[in-house]
């Protein structure tokens, strides 16, 4: 593998040297009108190919996009994403078209002289004010969405969950009947107390440690994130939620699940995506894949970063309460 890289590097250096020497020869080369015409036509053809390729990619690869948001807050995020992406796509489509069109229309022709502006206050105001107004709108809209999503002051009876990150796994604990998490610190990690919970804090006694997250549909969940070692990033893509887990501090994110795991499995977009995955897995001889919500790490936190996952099960409130009631508290688990 190293030998191949050396060969590729040698080829790249050779091409670069050849291109540099070609530049020095340009002084003695004068492009003809025929050359200009050919280049203009080729650029126009490439422009058509560019747009056809873009349309093809939108149609062909839309299946890899996430299905609709599985959280209420994620709906606002998706709207923000759609507005921002639409503006970017519109500007890109217009500017790229003008680039290809003008390159073809105003290719070098004998006797044609370019119109030259020494300066134009009107044009400068237009190309400065227009992006400034659009960007200000996007930024203010984004801040509004972020503020609303992060504000948990009006949440009624939220579920409090701590997610603890470490190389290379996730742990979690639910606040118990008092709905308050006990204090914790890496200094308290010892034996099976792998989350470093301070058992001298009475609020910790009814906390419930788990290795699989269960969430109730329709109830806001407030997540508290900690990290034991390096910077991790808790990423729950189907809920449109992501938050860094920073050593030495607690970060927070909240959302309200709106679709159970079974409902998401029955979603048309999800079914199409799972079917596509299973075609690939069948060709490789692997067992069929069944959709599950996952908590992933979105930071490259080490050699086994890819394996840092936790299953998330969203269920009806009654089923969730039944499951939670069967779990042991820290007072029952820790000596």
C-alpha atoms as a PDB file:
ATOM      1  CA  UNK A   1       0.000   0.000   0.000  1.00  0.00           C
ATOM      2  CA  UNK A   2       2.837   2.397   0.878  1.00  0.00           C
ATOM      3  CA  UNK A   3       4.532   1.674  -2.471  1.00  0.00           C
ATOM      4  CA  UNK A   4       1.331   2.548  -4.338  1.00  0.00           C
ATOM      5  CA  UNK A   5       1.090   5.853  -2.457  1.00  0.00           C
ATOM      6  CA  UNK A   6       4.697   6.683  -3.388  1.00  0.00           C
ATOM      7  CA  UNK A   7       3.952   5.921  -7.039  1.00  0.00           C
ATOM      8  CA  UNK A   8       0.824   8.114  -6.988  1.00  0.00           C
ATOM      9  CA  UNK A   9       2.804  10.903  -5.328  1.00  0.00           C
ATOM     10  CA  UNK A  10       5.501  10.667  -7.999  1.00  0.00           C
ATOM     11  CA  UNK A  11       2.865  10.833 -10.746  1.00  0.00           C
ATOM     12  CA  UNK A  12       1.204  13.859  -9.110  1.00  0.00           C
ATOM     13  CA  UNK A  13       4.545  15.691  -8.805  1.00  0.00           C
ATOM     14  CA  UNK A  14       5.387  14.901 -12.437  1.00  0.00           C
ATOM     15  CA  UNK A  15       2.044  16.248 -13.646  1.00  0.00           C
ATOM     16  CA  UNK A  16       2.496  19.391 -11.530  1.00  0.00           C
ATOM     17  CA  UNK A  17       5.970  20.024 -13.000  1.00  0.00           C
ATOM     18  CA  UNK A  18       4.628  19.463 -16.512  1.00  0.00           C
ATOM     19  CA  UNK A  19       1.793  21.945 -15.908  1.00  0.00           C
ATOM     20  CA  UNK A  20       4.195  24.575 -14.536  1.00  0.00           C
ATOM     21  CA  UNK A  21       6.490  24.280 -17.570  1.00  0.00           C
ATOM     22  CA  UNK A  22       3.434  24.564 -19.836  1.00  0.00           C
ATOM     23  CA  UNK A  23       2.516  27.875 -18.196  1.00  0.00           C
ATOM     24  CA  UNK A  24       5.898  29.376 -19.125  1.00  0.00           C
ATOM     25  CA  UNK A  25       5.214  28.507 -22.758  1.00  0.00           C
ATOM     26  CA  UNK A  26       1.923  30.418 -22.853  1.00  0.00           C
ATOM     27  CA  UNK A  27       3.708  33.698 -23.597  1.00  0.00           C
ATOM     28  CA  UNK A  28       4.417  32.460 -27.082  1.00  0.00           C
ATOM     29  CA  UNK A  29       0.931  31.028 -27.686  1.00  0.00           C
ATOM     30  CA  UNK A  30      -1.966  33.152 -28.913  1.00  0.00           C
ATOM     31  CA  UNK A  31      -5.437  31.667 -28.716  1.00  0.00           C
ATOM     32  CA  UNK A  32      -7.277  31.884 -32.016  1.00  0.00           C
ATOM     33  CA  UNK A  33     -10.952  32.670 -32.470  1.00  0.00           C
ATOM     34  CA  UNK A  34     -11.495  29.017 -33.334  1.00  0.00           C
ATOM     35  CA  UNK A  35      -9.879  28.004 -30.008  1.00  0.00           C
ATOM     36  CA  UNK A  36     -12.102  30.433 -28.111  1.00  0.00           C
ATOM     37  CA  UNK A  37     -15.191  29.147 -29.896  1.00  0.00           C
ATOM     38  CA  UNK A  38     -14.297  25.516 -29.153  1.00  0.00           C
ATOM     39  CA  UNK A  39     -13.635  26.231 -25.488  1.00  0.00           C
ATOM     40  CA  UNK A  40     -16.895  28.163 -25.157  1.00  0.00           C
ATOM     41  CA  UNK A  41     -18.896  25.305 -26.682  1.00  0.00           C
ATOM     42  CA  UNK A  42     -17.150  22.751 -24.463  1.00  0.00           C
ATOM     43  CA  UNK A  43     -17.891  24.861 -21.396  1.00  0.00           C
ATOM     44  CA  UNK A  44     -21.572  25.085 -22.357  1.00  0.00           C
ATOM     45  CA  UNK A  45     -21.732  21.300 -22.867  1.00  0.00           C
ATOM     46  CA  UNK A  46     -20.128  20.777 -19.483  1.00  0.00           C
ATOM     47  CA  UNK A  47     -22.721  23.139 -17.963  1.00  0.00           C
ATOM     48  CA  UNK A  48     -25.556  21.005 -19.337  1.00  0.00           C
ATOM     49  CA  UNK A  49     -23.821  17.865 -18.036  1.00  0.00           C
ATOM     50  CA  UNK A  50     -23.353  19.532 -14.644  1.00  0.00           C
ATOM     51  CA  UNK A  51     -27.071  20.263 -14.240  1.00  0.00           C
ATOM     52  CA  UNK A  52     -28.149  16.844 -15.507  1.00  0.00           C
ATOM     53  CA  UNK A  53     -25.751  15.199 -13.041  1.00  0.00           C
ATOM     54  CA  UNK A  54     -27.102  17.330 -10.203  1.00  0.00           C
ATOM     55  CA  UNK A  55     -30.713  16.377 -11.019  1.00  0.00           C
ATOM     56  CA  UNK A  56     -29.742  12.710 -11.336  1.00  0.00           C
ATOM     57  CA  UNK A  57     -28.049  12.745  -7.909  1.00  0.00           C
ATOM     58  CA  UNK A  58     -31.119  14.320  -6.301  1.00  0.00           C
ATOM     59  CA  UNK A  59     -33.376  11.612  -7.743  1.00  0.00           C
ATOM     60  CA  UNK A  60     -31.012   8.650  -7.388  1.00  0.00           C
ATOM     61  CA  UNK A  61     -29.636   9.245  -3.902  1.00  0.00           C
ATOM     62  CA  UNK A  62     -32.595  10.792  -2.088  1.00  0.00           C
ATOM     63  CA  UNK A  63     -33.161   7.326  -0.601  1.00  0.00           C
ATOM     64  CA  UNK A  64     -30.105   7.781   1.644  1.00  0.00           C
ATOM     65  CA  UNK A  65     -31.662  10.821   3.328  1.00  0.00           C
ATOM     66  CA  UNK A  66     -33.228  10.481   6.756  1.00  0.00           C
ATOM     67  CA  UNK A  67     -36.996   9.935   6.957  1.00  0.00           C
ATOM     68  CA  UNK A  68     -39.224  12.480   8.679  1.00  0.00           C
ATOM     69  CA  UNK A  69     -38.187  13.613  12.134  1.00  0.00           C
ATOM     70  CA  UNK A  70     -39.005  11.276  15.012  1.00  0.00           C
ATOM     71  CA  UNK A  71     -39.234  14.215  17.435  1.00  0.00           C
ATOM     72  CA  UNK A  72     -41.487  17.275  17.594  1.00  0.00           C
ATOM     73  CA  UNK A  73     -38.535  19.643  17.897  1.00  0.00           C
ATOM     74  CA  UNK A  74     -36.911  17.990  14.885  1.00  0.00           C
ATOM     75  CA  UNK A  75     -39.780  19.224  12.710  1.00  0.00           C
ATOM     76  CA  UNK A  76     -38.646  22.819  13.251  1.00  0.00           C
ATOM     77  CA  UNK A  77     -35.067  21.817  12.551  1.00  0.00           C
ATOM     78  CA  UNK A  78     -36.156  20.174   9.279  1.00  0.00           C
ATOM     79  CA  UNK A  79     -38.027  23.336   8.262  1.00  0.00           C
ATOM     80  CA  UNK A  80     -34.923  25.421   8.998  1.00  0.00           C
ATOM     81  CA  UNK A  81     -32.813  22.985   6.985  1.00  0.00           C
ATOM     82  CA  UNK A  82     -35.270  23.082   4.058  1.00  0.00           C
ATOM     83  CA  UNK A  83     -35.376  26.892   3.985  1.00  0.00           C
ATOM     84  CA  UNK A  84     -31.577  27.201   4.199  1.00  0.00           C
ATOM     85  CA  UNK A  85     -30.920  24.477   1.637  1.00  0.00           C
ATOM     86  CA  UNK A  86     -33.514  25.930  -0.774  1.00  0.00           C
ATOM     87  CA  UNK A  87     -31.872  29.358  -0.618  1.00  0.00           C
ATOM     88  CA  UNK A  88     -28.428  27.859  -1.183  1.00  0.00           C
ATOM     89  CA  UNK A  89     -29.688  25.699  -4.058  1.00  0.00           C
ATOM     90  CA  UNK A  90     -31.435  28.670  -5.695  1.00  0.00           C
ATOM     91  CA  UNK A  91     -28.328  30.865  -5.503  1.00  0.00           C
ATOM     92  CA  UNK A  92     -26.123  28.006  -6.699  1.00  0.00           C
ATOM     93  CA  UNK A  93     -28.394  27.245  -9.661  1.00  0.00           C
ATOM     94  CA  UNK A  94     -28.513  30.896 -10.755  1.00  0.00           C
ATOM     95  CA  UNK A  95     -24.811  31.682 -10.317  1.00  0.00           C
ATOM     96  CA  UNK A  96     -23.636  28.452 -11.963  1.00  0.00           C
ATOM     97  CA  UNK A  97     -25.981  29.050 -14.898  1.00  0.00           C
ATOM     98  CA  UNK A  98     -24.653  32.591 -15.333  1.00  0.00           C
ATOM     99  CA  UNK A  99     -21.074  31.289 -15.142  1.00  0.00           C
ATOM    100  CA  UNK A 100     -21.629  28.778 -17.944  1.00  0.00           C
ATOM    101  CA  UNK A 101     -23.882  31.087 -19.983  1.00  0.00           C
ATOM    102  CA  UNK A 102     -21.560  34.106 -19.926  1.00  0.00           C
ATOM    103  CA  UNK A 103     -18.506  31.952 -20.624  1.00  0.00           C
ATOM    104  CA  UNK A 104     -20.227  30.729 -23.790  1.00  0.00           C
ATOM    105  CA  UNK A 105     -21.943  33.960 -24.877  1.00  0.00           C
ATOM    106  CA  UNK A 106     -18.912  36.193 -24.376  1.00  0.00           C
ATOM    107  CA  UNK A 107     -16.196  33.848 -25.614  1.00  0.00           C
ATOM    108  CA  UNK A 108     -13.418  35.594 -27.516  1.00  0.00           C
ATOM    109  CA  UNK A 109     -14.610  36.978 -30.873  1.00  0.00           C
ATOM    110  CA  UNK A 110     -12.583  39.285 -33.070  1.00  0.00           C
ATOM    111  CA  UNK A 111     -13.685  42.894 -32.768  1.00  0.00           C
ATOM    112  CA  UNK A 112     -15.705  42.401 -29.571  1.00  0.00           C
ATOM    113  CA  UNK A 113     -14.645  44.531 -26.623  1.00  0.00           C
ATOM    114  CA  UNK A 114     -15.639  43.866 -23.043  1.00  0.00           C
ATOM    115  CA  UNK A 115     -17.637  46.507 -21.174  1.00  0.00           C
ATOM    116  CA  UNK A 116     -15.513  47.785 -18.307  1.00  0.00           C
ATOM    117  CA  UNK A 117     -16.593  49.551 -15.107  1.00  0.00           C
ATOM    118  CA  UNK A 118     -13.927  51.392 -13.145  1.00  0.00           C
ATOM    119  CA  UNK A 119     -16.399  51.363 -10.248  1.00  0.00           C
ATOM    120  CA  UNK A 120     -20.148  51.211  -9.694  1.00  0.00           C
ATOM    121  CA  UNK A 121     -21.672  52.199  -6.364  1.00  0.00           C
ATOM    122  CA  UNK A 122     -25.020  50.698  -7.390  1.00  0.00           C
ATOM    123  CA  UNK A 123     -23.520  47.276  -8.153  1.00  0.00           C
ATOM    124  CA  UNK A 124     -21.438  47.282  -4.988  1.00  0.00           C
ATOM    125  CA  UNK A 125     -24.515  48.082  -2.870  1.00  0.00           C
ATOM    126  CA  UNK A 126     -26.478  45.277  -4.554  1.00  0.00           C
ATOM    127  CA  UNK A 127     -23.870  42.536  -4.148  1.00  0.00           C
ATOM    128  CA  UNK A 128     -23.093  43.615  -0.580  1.00  0.00           C
ATOM    129  CA  UNK A 129     -26.593  44.303   0.760  1.00  0.00           C
ATOM    130  CA  UNK A 130     -28.347  41.301  -0.795  1.00  0.00           C
ATOM    131  CA  UNK A 131     -26.115  38.592   0.774  1.00  0.00           C
ATOM    132  CA  UNK A 132     -26.038  40.536   4.057  1.00  0.00           C
ATOM    133  CA  UNK A 133     -29.849  40.623   4.278  1.00  0.00           C
ATOM    134  CA  UNK A 134     -30.217  36.940   3.345  1.00  0.00           C
ATOM    135  CA  UNK A 135     -27.506  35.808   5.764  1.00  0.00           C
ATOM    136  CA  UNK A 136     -28.969  37.949   8.561  1.00  0.00           C
ATOM    137  CA  UNK A 137     -32.350  36.284   7.961  1.00  0.00           C
ATOM    138  CA  UNK A 138     -30.819  32.788   8.072  1.00  0.00           C
ATOM    139  CA  UNK A 139     -28.806  33.529  11.225  1.00  0.00           C
ATOM    140  CA  UNK A 140     -31.724  35.123  13.100  1.00  0.00           C
ATOM    141  CA  UNK A 141     -34.082  32.347  12.030  1.00  0.00           C
ATOM    142  CA  UNK A 142     -31.534  29.736  13.135  1.00  0.00           C
ATOM    143  CA  UNK A 143     -31.063  31.423  16.525  1.00  0.00           C
ATOM    144  CA  UNK A 144     -34.841  31.500  17.006  1.00  0.00           C
ATOM    145  CA  UNK A 145     -35.182  27.772  16.271  1.00  0.00           C
ATOM    146  CA  UNK A 146     -32.198  26.894  18.484  1.00  0.00           C
ATOM    147  CA  UNK A 147     -33.519  28.984  21.389  1.00  0.00           C
ATOM    148  CA  UNK A 148     -36.959  27.380  21.193  1.00  0.00           C
ATOM    149  CA  UNK A 149     -35.515  23.858  21.016  1.00  0.00           C
ATOM    150  CA  UNK A 150     -33.115  24.413  23.925  1.00  0.00           C
ATOM    151  CA  UNK A 151     -35.685  26.115  26.164  1.00  0.00           C
ATOM    152  CA  UNK A 152     -37.081  23.527  28.619  1.00  0.00           C
ATOM    153  CA  UNK A 153     -38.594  25.962  31.129  1.00  0.00           C
ATOM    154  CA  UNK A 154     -42.166  25.181  30.053  1.00  0.00           C
ATOM    155  CA  UNK A 155     -41.739  21.383  30.012  1.00  0.00           C
ATOM    156  CA  UNK A 156     -44.357  19.559  32.095  1.00  0.00           C
ATOM    157  CA  UNK A 157     -43.044  16.540  33.991  1.00  0.00           C
ATOM    158  CA  UNK A 158     -40.019  15.968  31.726  1.00  0.00           C
ATOM    159  CA  UNK A 159     -38.040  12.748  31.847  1.00  0.00           C
ATOM    160  CA  UNK A 160     -34.473  13.406  33.067  1.00  0.00           C
ATOM    161  CA  UNK A 161     -31.795  11.141  31.609  1.00  0.00           C
ATOM    162  CA  UNK A 162     -28.022  11.311  31.942  1.00  0.00           C
ATOM    163  CA  UNK A 163     -25.932   9.964  29.076  1.00  0.00           C
ATOM    164  CA  UNK A 164     -22.336   9.133  29.987  1.00  0.00           C
ATOM    165  CA  UNK A 165     -19.714   8.830  27.231  1.00  0.00           C
ATOM    166  CA  UNK A 166     -16.397   7.027  27.416  1.00  0.00           C
ATOM    167  CA  UNK A 167     -14.070   5.177  25.085  1.00  0.00           C
ATOM    168  CA  UNK A 168     -15.854   3.338  23.545  1.00  0.00           C
ATOM    169  CA  UNK A 169     -19.353   2.944  24.901  1.00  0.00           C
ATOM    170  CA  UNK A 170     -22.362   4.751  26.289  1.00  0.00           C
ATOM    171  CA  UNK A 171     -23.981   4.379  29.688  1.00  0.00           C
ATOM    172  CA  UNK A 172     -27.122   6.068  30.956  1.00  0.00           C
ATOM    173  CA  UNK A 173     -29.168   6.581  34.086  1.00  0.00           C
ATOM    174  CA  UNK A 174     -32.688   7.844  34.667  1.00  0.00           C
ATOM    175  CA  UNK A 175     -33.633  10.182  37.467  1.00  0.00           C
ATOM    176  CA  UNK A 176     -35.755   8.210  39.935  1.00  0.00           C
ATOM    177  CA  UNK A 177     -39.017   9.059  41.635  1.00  0.00           C
ATOM    178  CA  UNK A 178     -37.663  12.438  42.788  1.00  0.00           C
ATOM    179  CA  UNK A 179     -36.911  13.310  39.131  1.00  0.00           C
ATOM    180  CA  UNK A 180     -33.453  14.576  40.146  1.00  0.00           C
ATOM    181  CA  UNK A 181     -30.133  13.041  39.235  1.00  0.00           C
ATOM    182  CA  UNK A 182     -27.601  12.508  41.973  1.00  0.00           C
ATOM    183  CA  UNK A 183     -24.203  14.192  41.752  1.00  0.00           C
ATOM    184  CA  UNK A 184     -21.422  12.405  39.890  1.00  0.00           C
ATOM    185  CA  UNK A 185     -17.727  12.790  39.186  1.00  0.00           C
ATOM    186  CA  UNK A 186     -14.951  10.759  37.603  1.00  0.00           C
ATOM    187  CA  UNK A 187     -13.302  10.751  41.037  1.00  0.00           C
ATOM    188  CA  UNK A 188     -16.053   8.435  42.273  1.00  0.00           C
ATOM    189  CA  UNK A 189     -15.475   5.761  39.636  1.00  0.00           C
ATOM    190  CA  UNK A 190     -14.686   2.537  41.404  1.00  0.00           C
ATOM    191  CA  UNK A 191     -15.608  -1.074  40.773  1.00  0.00           C
ATOM    192  CA  UNK A 192     -19.109  -1.352  39.313  1.00  0.00           C
ATOM    193  CA  UNK A 193     -19.768   2.353  39.914  1.00  0.00           C
ATOM    194  CA  UNK A 194     -18.655   3.010  36.346  1.00  0.00           C
ATOM    195  CA  UNK A 195     -20.492   6.331  36.014  1.00  0.00           C
ATOM    196  CA  UNK A 196     -18.877   7.844  39.094  1.00  0.00           C
ATOM    197  CA  UNK A 197     -22.161   8.538  40.890  1.00  0.00           C
ATOM    198  CA  UNK A 198     -21.798  10.067  44.357  1.00  0.00           C
ATOM    199  CA  UNK A 199     -23.776   7.688  46.559  1.00  0.00           C
ATOM    200  CA  UNK A 200     -23.549  10.090  49.507  1.00  0.00           C
ATOM    201  CA  UNK A 201     -26.031  12.244  47.593  1.00  0.00           C
ATOM    202  CA  UNK A 202     -29.505  11.001  48.546  1.00  0.00           C
ATOM    203  CA  UNK A 203     -30.853  12.030  45.136  1.00  0.00           C
ATOM    204  CA  UNK A 204     -28.690   9.310  43.589  1.00  0.00           C
ATOM    205  CA  UNK A 205     -30.204   6.381  45.473  1.00  0.00           C
ATOM    206  CA  UNK A 206     -33.279   6.063  43.247  1.00  0.00           C
ATOM    207  CA  UNK A 207     -31.434   6.743  39.978  1.00  0.00           C
ATOM    208  CA  UNK A 208     -31.755   3.902  37.496  1.00  0.00           C
ATOM    209  CA  UNK A 209     -28.648   2.799  35.495  1.00  0.00           C
ATOM    210  CA  UNK A 210     -29.247   1.242  32.048  1.00  0.00           C
ATOM    211  CA  UNK A 211     -27.298   0.109  28.992  1.00  0.00           C
ATOM    212  CA  UNK A 212     -30.238   0.587  26.591  1.00  0.00           C
ATOM    213  CA  UNK A 213     -32.321   3.747  26.301  1.00  0.00           C
ATOM    214  CA  UNK A 214     -36.119   3.534  26.417  1.00  0.00           C
ATOM    215  CA  UNK A 215     -38.101   6.723  25.783  1.00  0.00           C
ATOM    216  CA  UNK A 216     -41.839   7.410  26.104  1.00  0.00           C
ATOM    217  CA  UNK A 217     -43.698   8.795  23.098  1.00  0.00           C
ATOM    218  CA  UNK A 218     -45.107  12.294  23.614  1.00  0.00           C
ATOM    219  CA  UNK A 219     -43.096  13.172  26.746  1.00  0.00           C
ATOM    220  CA  UNK A 220     -40.217  15.632  26.705  1.00  0.00           C
ATOM    221  CA  UNK A 221     -36.854  14.078  27.543  1.00  0.00           C
ATOM    222  CA  UNK A 222     -34.073  16.253  28.951  1.00  0.00           C
ATOM    223  CA  UNK A 223     -30.659  14.694  28.390  1.00  0.00           C
ATOM    224  CA  UNK A 224     -27.654  15.590  30.536  1.00  0.00           C
ATOM    225  CA  UNK A 225     -24.357  14.644  28.877  1.00  0.00           C
ATOM    226  CA  UNK A 226     -20.994  13.911  30.521  1.00  0.00           C
ATOM    227  CA  UNK A 227     -17.724  12.471  29.248  1.00  0.00           C
ATOM    228  CA  UNK A 228     -15.190  10.425  31.173  1.00  0.00           C
ATOM    229  CA  UNK A 229     -12.156  10.866  28.944  1.00  0.00           C
ATOM    230  CA  UNK A 230     -12.156  12.720  25.609  1.00  0.00           C
ATOM    231  CA  UNK A 231     -14.579  14.857  23.621  1.00  0.00           C
ATOM    232  CA  UNK A 232     -17.487  12.766  22.342  1.00  0.00           C
ATOM    233  CA  UNK A 233     -20.641  13.844  20.546  1.00  0.00           C
ATOM    234  CA  UNK A 234     -24.023  12.294  21.307  1.00  0.00           C
ATOM    235  CA  UNK A 235     -25.806  12.023  17.971  1.00  0.00           C
ATOM    236  CA  UNK A 236     -29.391  10.785  17.565  1.00  0.00           C
ATOM    237  CA  UNK A 237     -30.005  11.449  13.862  1.00  0.00           C
ATOM    238  CA  UNK A 238     -33.658  10.433  13.623  1.00  0.00           C
ATOM    239  CA  UNK A 239     -34.527  12.858  16.431  1.00  0.00           C
ATOM    240  CA  UNK A 240     -32.351  15.598  14.865  1.00  0.00           C
ATOM    241  CA  UNK A 241     -30.400  15.854  18.115  1.00  0.00           C
ATOM    242  CA  UNK A 242     -26.674  16.244  18.638  1.00  0.00           C
ATOM    243  CA  UNK A 243     -24.674  17.578  21.568  1.00  0.00           C
ATOM    244  CA  UNK A 244     -21.000  17.442  22.513  1.00  0.00           C
ATOM    245  CA  UNK A 245     -20.043  15.498  25.626  1.00  0.00           C
ATOM    246  CA  UNK A 246     -17.240  17.495  27.219  1.00  0.00           C
ATOM    247  CA  UNK A 247     -14.963  16.183  29.999  1.00  0.00           C
ATOM    248  CA  UNK A 248     -15.410  18.178  33.201  1.00  0.00           C
ATOM    249  CA  UNK A 249     -18.777  19.735  32.383  1.00  0.00           C
ATOM    250  CA  UNK A 250     -22.440  18.847  31.813  1.00  0.00           C
ATOM    251  CA  UNK A 251     -24.142  19.731  28.532  1.00  0.00           C
ATOM    252  CA  UNK A 252     -27.829  19.424  27.777  1.00  0.00           C
ATOM    253  CA  UNK A 253     -30.303  18.737  24.982  1.00  0.00           C
ATOM    254  CA  UNK A 254     -34.028  17.970  24.970  1.00  0.00           C
ATOM    255  CA  UNK A 255     -36.637  16.631  22.561  1.00  0.00           C
ATOM    256  CA  UNK A 256     -40.063  15.026  22.543  1.00  0.00           C
ATOM    257  CA  UNK A 257     -40.316  11.675  20.714  1.00  0.00           C
ATOM    258  CA  UNK A 258     -43.343  11.568  18.410  1.00  0.00           C
ATOM    259  CA  UNK A 259     -42.981   8.150  16.751  1.00  0.00           C
ATOM    260  CA  UNK A 260     -42.450   4.805  18.422  1.00  0.00           C
ATOM    261  CA  UNK A 261     -39.857   2.403  17.053  1.00  0.00           C
ATOM    262  CA  UNK A 262     -42.636   0.310  15.517  1.00  0.00           C
ATOM    263  CA  UNK A 263     -44.206   3.354  13.863  1.00  0.00           C
ATOM    264  CA  UNK A 264     -40.874   4.387  12.362  1.00  0.00           C
ATOM    265  CA  UNK A 265     -40.325   0.859  11.069  1.00  0.00           C
ATOM    266  CA  UNK A 266     -43.668   1.171   9.242  1.00  0.00           C
ATOM    267  CA  UNK A 267     -42.699   4.544   7.726  1.00  0.00           C
ATOM    268  CA  UNK A 268     -42.477   4.322   3.923  1.00  0.00           C
ATOM    269  CA  UNK A 269     -39.104   6.065   3.637  1.00  0.00           C
ATOM    270  CA  UNK A 270     -37.657   3.870   6.383  1.00  0.00           C
ATOM    271  CA  UNK A 271     -38.967   0.708   4.738  1.00  0.00           C
ATOM    272  CA  UNK A 272     -37.405   1.701   1.395  1.00  0.00           C
ATOM    273  CA  UNK A 273     -34.072   2.418   3.061  1.00  0.00           C
ATOM    274  CA  UNK A 274     -34.091  -0.862   5.014  1.00  0.00           C
ATOM    275  CA  UNK A 275     -34.981  -2.762   1.826  1.00  0.00           C
ATOM    276  CA  UNK A 276     -31.995  -1.202   0.034  1.00  0.00           C
ATOM    277  CA  UNK A 277     -29.667  -2.072   2.910  1.00  0.00           C
ATOM    278  CA  UNK A 278     -30.893  -5.657   2.976  1.00  0.00           C
ATOM    279  CA  UNK A 279     -30.250  -6.086  -0.753  1.00  0.00           C
ATOM    280  CA  UNK A 280     -26.605  -5.214  -0.086  1.00  0.00           C
ATOM    281  CA  UNK A 281     -26.441  -7.415   3.016  1.00  0.00           C
ATOM    282  CA  UNK A 282     -27.982 -10.369   1.194  1.00  0.00           C
ATOM    283  CA  UNK A 283     -25.388 -10.080  -1.581  1.00  0.00           C
ATOM    284  CA  UNK A 284     -22.668 -10.216   1.107  1.00  0.00           C
ATOM    285  CA  UNK A 285     -24.302 -13.157   2.861  1.00  0.00           C
ATOM    286  CA  UNK A 286     -25.185 -11.137   5.979  1.00  0.00           C
ATOM    287  CA  UNK A 287     -28.383 -11.516   8.000  1.00  0.00           C
ATOM    288  CA  UNK A 288     -31.258  -9.048   7.334  1.00  0.00           C
ATOM    289  CA  UNK A 289     -31.176  -5.647   9.033  1.00  0.00           C
ATOM    290  CA  UNK A 290     -34.087  -4.373  11.146  1.00  0.00           C
ATOM    291  CA  UNK A 291     -34.424  -0.670  11.861  1.00  0.00           C
ATOM    292  CA  UNK A 292     -33.674   0.648  15.345  1.00  0.00           C
ATOM    293  CA  UNK A 293     -33.103   4.139  16.678  1.00  0.00           C
ATOM    294  CA  UNK A 294     -29.464   4.570  17.690  1.00  0.00           C
ATOM    295  CA  UNK A 295     -27.343   6.841  19.823  1.00  0.00           C
ATOM    296  CA  UNK A 296     -24.054   7.324  17.967  1.00  0.00           C
ATOM    297  CA  UNK A 297     -20.820   9.214  18.547  1.00  0.00           C
ATOM    298  CA  UNK A 298     -20.210  11.951  15.967  1.00  0.00           C
ATOM    299  CA  UNK A 299     -16.658  12.720  17.102  1.00  0.00           C
ATOM    300  CA  UNK A 300     -13.664  10.661  16.031  1.00  0.00           C
ATOM    301  CA  UNK A 301     -12.805   9.725  19.605  1.00  0.00           C
ATOM    302  CA  UNK A 302     -10.351   6.876  18.993  1.00  0.00           C
ATOM    303  CA  UNK A 303      -9.745   3.548  17.304  1.00  0.00           C
ATOM    304  CA  UNK A 304     -13.153   2.031  18.131  1.00  0.00           C
ATOM    305  CA  UNK A 305     -15.173   5.209  17.556  1.00  0.00           C
ATOM    306  CA  UNK A 306     -17.268   3.440  14.900  1.00  0.00           C
ATOM    307  CA  UNK A 307     -18.459   0.900  17.467  1.00  0.00           C
ATOM    308  CA  UNK A 308     -19.803   3.461  19.959  1.00  0.00           C
ATOM    309  CA  UNK A 309     -23.546   2.856  19.748  1.00  0.00           C
ATOM    310  CA  UNK A 310     -26.527   2.489  22.065  1.00  0.00           C
ATOM    311  CA  UNK A 311     -29.938   1.225  21.052  1.00  0.00           C
ATOM    312  CA  UNK A 312     -32.901   3.549  21.643  1.00  0.00           C
ATOM    313  CA  UNK A 313     -36.421   2.159  21.995  1.00  0.00           C
ATOM    314  CA  UNK A 314     -39.351   4.559  21.758  1.00  0.00           C
ATOM    315  CA  UNK A 315     -42.612   3.125  23.041  1.00  0.00           C
ATOM    316  CA  UNK A 316     -46.021   4.130  24.333  1.00  0.00           C
ATOM    317  CA  UNK A 317     -45.988   5.689  27.849  1.00  0.00           C
ATOM    318  CA  UNK A 318     -47.613   2.661  29.484  1.00  0.00           C
ATOM    319  CA  UNK A 319     -45.038   0.271  28.001  1.00  0.00           C
ATOM    320  CA  UNK A 320     -42.217   2.621  29.001  1.00  0.00           C
ATOM    321  CA  UNK A 321     -43.443   2.928  32.592  1.00  0.00           C
ATOM    322  CA  UNK A 322     -43.723  -0.847  32.804  1.00  0.00           C
ATOM    323  CA  UNK A 323     -40.162  -1.291  31.536  1.00  0.00           C
ATOM    324  CA  UNK A 324     -38.743   1.388  33.843  1.00  0.00           C
ATOM    325  CA  UNK A 325     -40.488  -0.162  36.837  1.00  0.00           C
ATOM    326  CA  UNK A 326     -38.626  -3.421  36.218  1.00  0.00           C
ATOM    327  CA  UNK A 327     -35.169  -1.777  36.342  1.00  0.00           C
ATOM    328  CA  UNK A 328     -33.045  -1.751  39.504  1.00  0.00           C
ATOM    329  CA  UNK A 329     -32.019   1.476  41.198  1.00  0.00           C
ATOM    330  CA  UNK A 330     -28.444   2.404  42.062  1.00  0.00           C
ATOM    331  CA  UNK A 331     -29.166   1.698  45.724  1.00  0.00           C
ATOM    332  CA  UNK A 332     -30.042  -1.872  44.727  1.00  0.00           C
ATOM    333  CA  UNK A 333     -27.096  -2.268  42.345  1.00  0.00           C
ATOM    334  CA  UNK A 334     -24.218  -0.645  44.223  1.00  0.00           C
ATOM    335  CA  UNK A 335     -23.007  -2.051  47.555  1.00  0.00           C
END
